[in-house]
């Protein structure tokens, strides 16, 4: 009788262990699948990040080009303004000369 109870107890423990093992296998499979999904998502985000960084470098280059053009235009405008000022001051200098 005691031996029969022992066998029943062992069978019950074995069944519980197998049930736990199967549940853990299912959880493990779910976690592996989730990890694979997250890995794909991470790689996608990493690629997006790299593209944004590349776009940033391109925009910085374009901005520098525009700054250089603006600087050159400003220099040209300043030279024209200086020349116009010089020309407008020239007749005044001629008219202020005493006549002989």
N, C-alpha and C. Protein backbone atom coordinates (compact mmCIF):
# COMPACT_ATOMS: atom_id res chain seq x y z
N UNK A 1 0.83 -1.18 0.00
CA UNK A 1 0.00 0.00 0.00
C UNK A 1 0.88 1.25 0.00
N UNK A 2 1.86 1.27 0.88
CA UNK A 2 2.76 2.42 0.95
C UNK A 2 3.51 2.58 -0.37
N UNK A 3 3.90 1.46 -0.94
CA UNK A 3 4.62 1.48 -2.21
C UNK A 3 3.73 2.06 -3.30
N UNK A 4 2.47 1.73 -3.28
CA UNK A 4 1.50 2.23 -4.24
C UNK A 4 1.34 3.74 -4.09
N UNK A 5 1.33 4.25 -2.87
CA UNK A 5 1.23 5.69 -2.61
C UNK A 5 2.48 6.40 -3.10
N UNK A 6 3.62 5.76 -2.89
CA UNK A 6 4.90 6.32 -3.34
C UNK A 6 4.91 6.46 -4.85
N UNK A 7 4.44 5.44 -5.53
CA UNK A 7 4.41 5.45 -7.00
C UNK A 7 3.45 6.54 -7.48
N UNK A 8 2.28 6.67 -6.84
CA UNK A 8 1.31 7.70 -7.21
C UNK A 8 1.91 9.09 -7.00
N UNK A 9 2.61 9.25 -5.88
CA UNK A 9 3.23 10.53 -5.56
C UNK A 9 4.31 10.86 -6.59
N UNK A 10 5.12 9.87 -6.93
CA UNK A 10 6.17 10.08 -7.92
C UNK A 10 5.57 10.38 -9.29
N UNK A 11 4.50 9.70 -9.64
CA UNK A 11 3.83 9.94 -10.91
C UNK A 11 3.27 11.36 -10.96
N UNK A 12 2.69 11.76 -9.86
CA UNK A 12 2.12 13.10 -9.78
C UNK A 12 3.22 14.15 -9.91
N UNK A 13 4.34 13.95 -9.22
CA UNK A 13 5.46 14.89 -9.30
C UNK A 13 6.05 14.92 -10.71
N UNK A 14 6.13 13.73 -11.33
CA UNK A 14 6.66 13.66 -12.68
C UNK A 14 5.75 14.41 -13.65
N UNK A 15 4.46 14.24 -13.49
CA UNK A 15 3.49 14.93 -14.36
C UNK A 15 3.60 16.45 -14.18
N UNK A 16 3.74 16.88 -12.92
CA UNK A 16 3.88 18.32 -12.65
C UNK A 16 5.19 18.85 -13.25
N UNK A 17 6.26 18.07 -13.13
CA UNK A 17 7.54 18.48 -13.69
C UNK A 17 7.46 18.58 -15.21
N UNK A 18 6.81 17.61 -15.84
CA UNK A 18 6.66 17.65 -17.30
C UNK A 18 5.80 18.83 -17.72
N UNK A 19 4.76 19.09 -16.96
CA UNK A 19 3.88 20.23 -17.25
C UNK A 19 4.66 21.54 -17.12
N UNK A 20 5.44 21.66 -16.08
CA UNK A 20 6.26 22.86 -15.88
C UNK A 20 7.29 23.00 -17.00
N UNK A 21 7.93 21.88 -17.35
CA UNK A 21 8.92 21.88 -18.43
C UNK A 21 8.28 22.31 -19.75
N UNK A 22 7.10 21.79 -20.06
CA UNK A 22 6.41 22.16 -21.29
C UNK A 22 6.03 23.64 -21.28
N UNK A 23 5.54 24.12 -20.14
CA UNK A 23 5.18 25.54 -20.03
C UNK A 23 6.41 26.41 -20.22
N UNK A 24 7.53 26.01 -19.64
CA UNK A 24 8.77 26.78 -19.79
C UNK A 24 9.28 26.75 -21.24
N UNK A 25 9.09 25.63 -21.91
CA UNK A 25 9.49 25.54 -23.33
C UNK A 25 8.66 26.50 -24.18
N UNK A 26 7.36 26.56 -23.90
CA UNK A 26 6.48 27.47 -24.64
C UNK A 26 6.88 28.92 -24.37
N UNK A 27 7.12 29.25 -23.10
CA UNK A 27 7.55 30.61 -22.75
C UNK A 27 8.88 30.95 -23.42
N UNK A 28 9.78 29.99 -23.44
CA UNK A 28 11.08 30.19 -24.08
C UNK A 28 10.90 30.46 -25.57
N UNK A 29 10.04 29.70 -26.22
CA UNK A 29 9.79 29.90 -27.65
C UNK A 29 9.19 31.28 -27.91
N UNK A 30 8.27 31.68 -27.05
CA UNK A 30 7.65 33.01 -27.19
C UNK A 30 8.70 34.10 -27.01
N UNK A 31 9.56 33.93 -26.00
CA UNK A 31 10.60 34.92 -25.75
C UNK A 31 11.61 34.99 -26.89
N UNK A 32 11.94 33.84 -27.46
CA UNK A 32 12.87 33.82 -28.61
C UNK A 32 12.26 34.56 -29.81
N UNK A 33 10.98 34.30 -30.04
CA UNK A 33 10.30 34.97 -31.14
C UNK A 33 10.26 36.49 -30.91
N UNK A 34 9.96 36.87 -29.68
CA UNK A 34 9.92 38.31 -29.34
C UNK A 34 11.32 38.92 -29.49
N UNK A 35 12.34 38.19 -29.09
CA UNK A 35 13.71 38.68 -29.22
C UNK A 35 14.07 38.88 -30.69
N UNK A 36 13.66 37.95 -31.54
CA UNK A 36 13.92 38.08 -32.98
C UNK A 36 13.21 39.30 -33.54
N UNK A 37 11.98 39.53 -33.12
CA UNK A 37 11.23 40.70 -33.58
C UNK A 37 11.91 41.99 -33.13
N UNK A 38 12.36 42.01 -31.90
CA UNK A 38 13.04 43.20 -31.37
C UNK A 38 14.38 43.43 -32.08
N UNK A 39 15.07 42.34 -32.43
CA UNK A 39 16.33 42.46 -33.15
C UNK A 39 16.09 43.09 -34.52
N UNK A 40 15.04 42.63 -35.21
CA UNK A 40 14.70 43.20 -36.51
C UNK A 40 14.33 44.68 -36.35
N UNK A 41 13.53 44.97 -35.34
CA UNK A 41 13.13 46.36 -35.08
C UNK A 41 14.35 47.22 -34.78
N UNK A 42 15.26 46.69 -33.98
CA UNK A 42 16.48 47.43 -33.65
C UNK A 42 17.30 47.72 -34.90
N UNK A 43 17.47 46.72 -35.74
CA UNK A 43 18.25 46.91 -36.97
C UNK A 43 17.60 47.95 -37.88
N UNK A 44 16.27 47.90 -37.94
CA UNK A 44 15.54 48.89 -38.75
C UNK A 44 15.78 50.29 -38.20
N UNK A 45 15.67 50.45 -36.89
CA UNK A 45 15.89 51.76 -36.26
C UNK A 45 17.34 52.19 -36.45
N UNK A 46 18.27 51.25 -36.37
CA UNK A 46 19.68 51.57 -36.56
C UNK A 46 19.92 52.08 -37.98
N UNK A 47 19.29 51.44 -38.96
CA UNK A 47 19.42 51.88 -40.35
C UNK A 47 18.82 53.27 -40.52
N UNK A 48 17.66 53.50 -39.91
CA UNK A 48 17.03 54.82 -39.98
C UNK A 48 17.94 55.88 -39.37
N UNK A 49 18.54 55.54 -38.26
CA UNK A 49 19.48 56.45 -37.58
C UNK A 49 20.66 56.78 -38.49
N UNK A 50 21.23 55.77 -39.10
CA UNK A 50 22.37 55.99 -40.00
C UNK A 50 21.97 56.86 -41.18
N UNK A 51 20.75 56.65 -41.69
CA UNK A 51 20.28 57.48 -42.80
C UNK A 51 20.11 58.93 -42.34
N UNK A 52 19.57 59.13 -41.14
CA UNK A 52 19.39 60.49 -40.62
C UNK A 52 20.74 61.17 -40.39
N UNK A 53 21.71 60.41 -39.93
CA UNK A 53 23.06 60.96 -39.73
C UNK A 53 23.63 61.39 -41.07
N UNK A 54 23.48 60.53 -42.09
CA UNK A 54 23.97 60.86 -43.43
C UNK A 54 23.27 62.11 -43.96
N UNK A 55 21.95 62.19 -43.77
CA UNK A 55 21.20 63.37 -44.20
C UNK A 55 21.70 64.61 -43.47
N UNK A 56 22.02 64.45 -42.20
CA UNK A 56 22.54 65.57 -41.41
C UNK A 56 23.85 66.08 -41.98
N UNK A 57 24.74 65.17 -42.35
CA UNK A 57 26.01 65.58 -42.94
C UNK A 57 25.78 66.29 -44.28
N UNK A 58 24.84 65.77 -45.06
CA UNK A 58 24.54 66.40 -46.36
C UNK A 58 23.98 67.80 -46.13
N UNK A 59 23.05 67.92 -45.19
CA UNK A 59 22.46 69.23 -44.89
C UNK A 59 23.51 70.20 -44.37
N UNK A 60 24.43 69.72 -43.55
CA UNK A 60 25.50 70.57 -43.04
C UNK A 60 26.38 71.05 -44.20
N UNK A 61 26.69 70.15 -45.13
CA UNK A 61 27.49 70.52 -46.30
C UNK A 61 26.75 71.58 -47.12
N UNK A 62 25.45 71.33 -47.37
CA UNK A 62 24.65 72.28 -48.14
C UNK A 62 24.59 73.64 -47.45
N UNK A 63 24.43 73.61 -46.13
CA UNK A 63 24.38 74.85 -45.37
C UNK A 63 25.69 75.61 -45.48
N UNK A 64 26.81 74.90 -45.41
CA UNK A 64 28.11 75.55 -45.57
C UNK A 64 28.26 76.15 -46.96
N UNK A 65 27.77 75.44 -47.98
CA UNK A 65 27.82 75.97 -49.34
C UNK A 65 27.00 77.25 -49.45
N UNK A 66 25.80 77.23 -48.87
CA UNK A 66 24.95 78.42 -48.89
C UNK A 66 25.59 79.57 -48.11
N UNK A 67 26.22 79.26 -47.00
CA UNK A 67 26.89 80.30 -46.22
C UNK A 67 28.01 80.93 -47.05
N UNK A 68 28.78 80.10 -47.74
CA UNK A 68 29.85 80.63 -48.58
C UNK A 68 29.29 81.53 -49.68
N UNK A 69 28.20 81.11 -50.32
CA UNK A 69 27.58 81.94 -51.36
C UNK A 69 27.09 83.26 -50.79
N UNK A 70 26.43 83.17 -49.64
CA UNK A 70 25.93 84.38 -48.99
C UNK A 70 27.08 85.31 -48.62
N UNK A 71 28.16 84.76 -48.14
CA UNK A 71 29.33 85.56 -47.78
C UNK A 71 29.88 86.27 -49.02
N UNK A 72 29.99 85.53 -50.14
CA UNK A 72 30.50 86.12 -51.38
C UNK A 72 29.57 87.22 -51.89
N UNK A 73 28.27 86.97 -51.85
CA UNK A 73 27.30 87.98 -52.27
C UNK A 73 27.42 89.22 -51.40
N UNK A 74 27.55 89.00 -50.11
CA UNK A 74 27.70 90.12 -49.17
C UNK A 74 28.96 90.92 -49.48
N UNK A 75 30.05 90.21 -49.79
CA UNK A 75 31.31 90.89 -50.14
C UNK A 75 31.12 91.73 -51.41
N UNK A 76 30.46 91.14 -52.42
CA UNK A 76 30.21 91.86 -53.67
C UNK A 76 29.35 93.10 -53.43
N UNK A 77 28.30 92.93 -52.64
CA UNK A 77 27.42 94.06 -52.33
C UNK A 77 28.17 95.15 -51.58
N UNK A 78 29.01 94.75 -50.68
CA UNK A 78 29.79 95.73 -49.91
C UNK A 78 30.75 96.48 -50.85
N UNK A 79 31.38 95.77 -51.78
CA UNK A 79 32.30 96.40 -52.74
C UNK A 79 31.54 97.38 -53.63
N UNK A 80 30.34 96.96 -54.09
CA UNK A 80 29.53 97.86 -54.93
C UNK A 80 29.09 99.08 -54.13
N UNK A 81 28.72 98.86 -52.88
CA UNK A 81 28.29 99.97 -52.03
C UNK A 81 29.45 100.93 -51.79
N UNK A 82 30.63 100.39 -51.52
CA UNK A 82 31.80 101.23 -51.31
C UNK A 82 32.12 102.03 -52.57
N UNK A 83 32.01 101.37 -53.73
CA UNK A 83 32.30 102.04 -54.99
C UNK A 83 31.27 103.14 -55.25
N UNK A 84 30.00 102.86 -54.98
CA UNK A 84 28.95 103.87 -55.17
C UNK A 84 29.17 105.05 -54.25
N UNK A 85 29.55 104.76 -53.01
CA UNK A 85 29.85 105.85 -52.07
C UNK A 85 31.01 106.69 -52.56
N UNK A 86 32.05 106.04 -53.06
CA UNK A 86 33.23 106.75 -53.56
C UNK A 86 32.86 107.61 -54.75
N UNK A 87 32.03 107.07 -55.64
CA UNK A 87 31.62 107.84 -56.82
C UNK A 87 30.73 109.01 -56.44
N UNK A 88 29.86 108.81 -55.46
CA UNK A 88 28.97 109.90 -55.06
C UNK A 88 29.73 110.99 -54.30
N UNK A 89 30.82 110.64 -53.67
CA UNK A 89 31.63 111.62 -52.94
C UNK A 89 32.58 112.36 -53.89
N UNK A 90 32.87 111.81 -55.03
CA UNK A 90 33.82 112.40 -55.97
C UNK A 90 33.33 113.74 -56.52
N UNK A 91 32.10 113.87 -56.98
CA UNK A 91 31.67 115.18 -57.48
C UNK A 91 31.73 116.26 -56.40
N UNK A 92 31.45 115.87 -55.15
CA UNK A 92 31.53 116.84 -54.07
C UNK A 92 32.97 117.34 -53.93
N UNK A 93 33.92 116.47 -54.08
CA UNK A 93 35.31 116.85 -53.97
C UNK A 93 35.68 117.79 -55.11
N UNK A 94 35.17 117.52 -56.31
CA UNK A 94 35.46 118.38 -57.46
C UNK A 94 34.81 119.74 -57.30
N UNK A 95 33.59 119.79 -56.78
CA UNK A 95 32.90 121.05 -56.64
C UNK A 95 33.46 121.88 -55.50
N UNK A 96 34.09 121.26 -54.56
CA UNK A 96 34.66 122.02 -53.44
C UNK A 96 36.02 122.57 -53.77
N UNK A 97 36.58 122.24 -54.96
CA UNK A 97 37.88 122.76 -55.40
C UNK A 97 37.73 124.24 -55.77
N UNK A 98 38.64 125.04 -55.32
CA UNK A 98 38.54 126.46 -55.69
C UNK A 98 38.91 126.64 -57.16
N UNK A 99 38.18 127.55 -57.83
CA UNK A 99 38.46 127.79 -59.24
C UNK A 99 39.52 128.86 -59.38
N UNK A 100 40.32 128.74 -60.39
CA UNK A 100 41.38 129.72 -60.63
C UNK A 100 40.91 130.80 -61.52
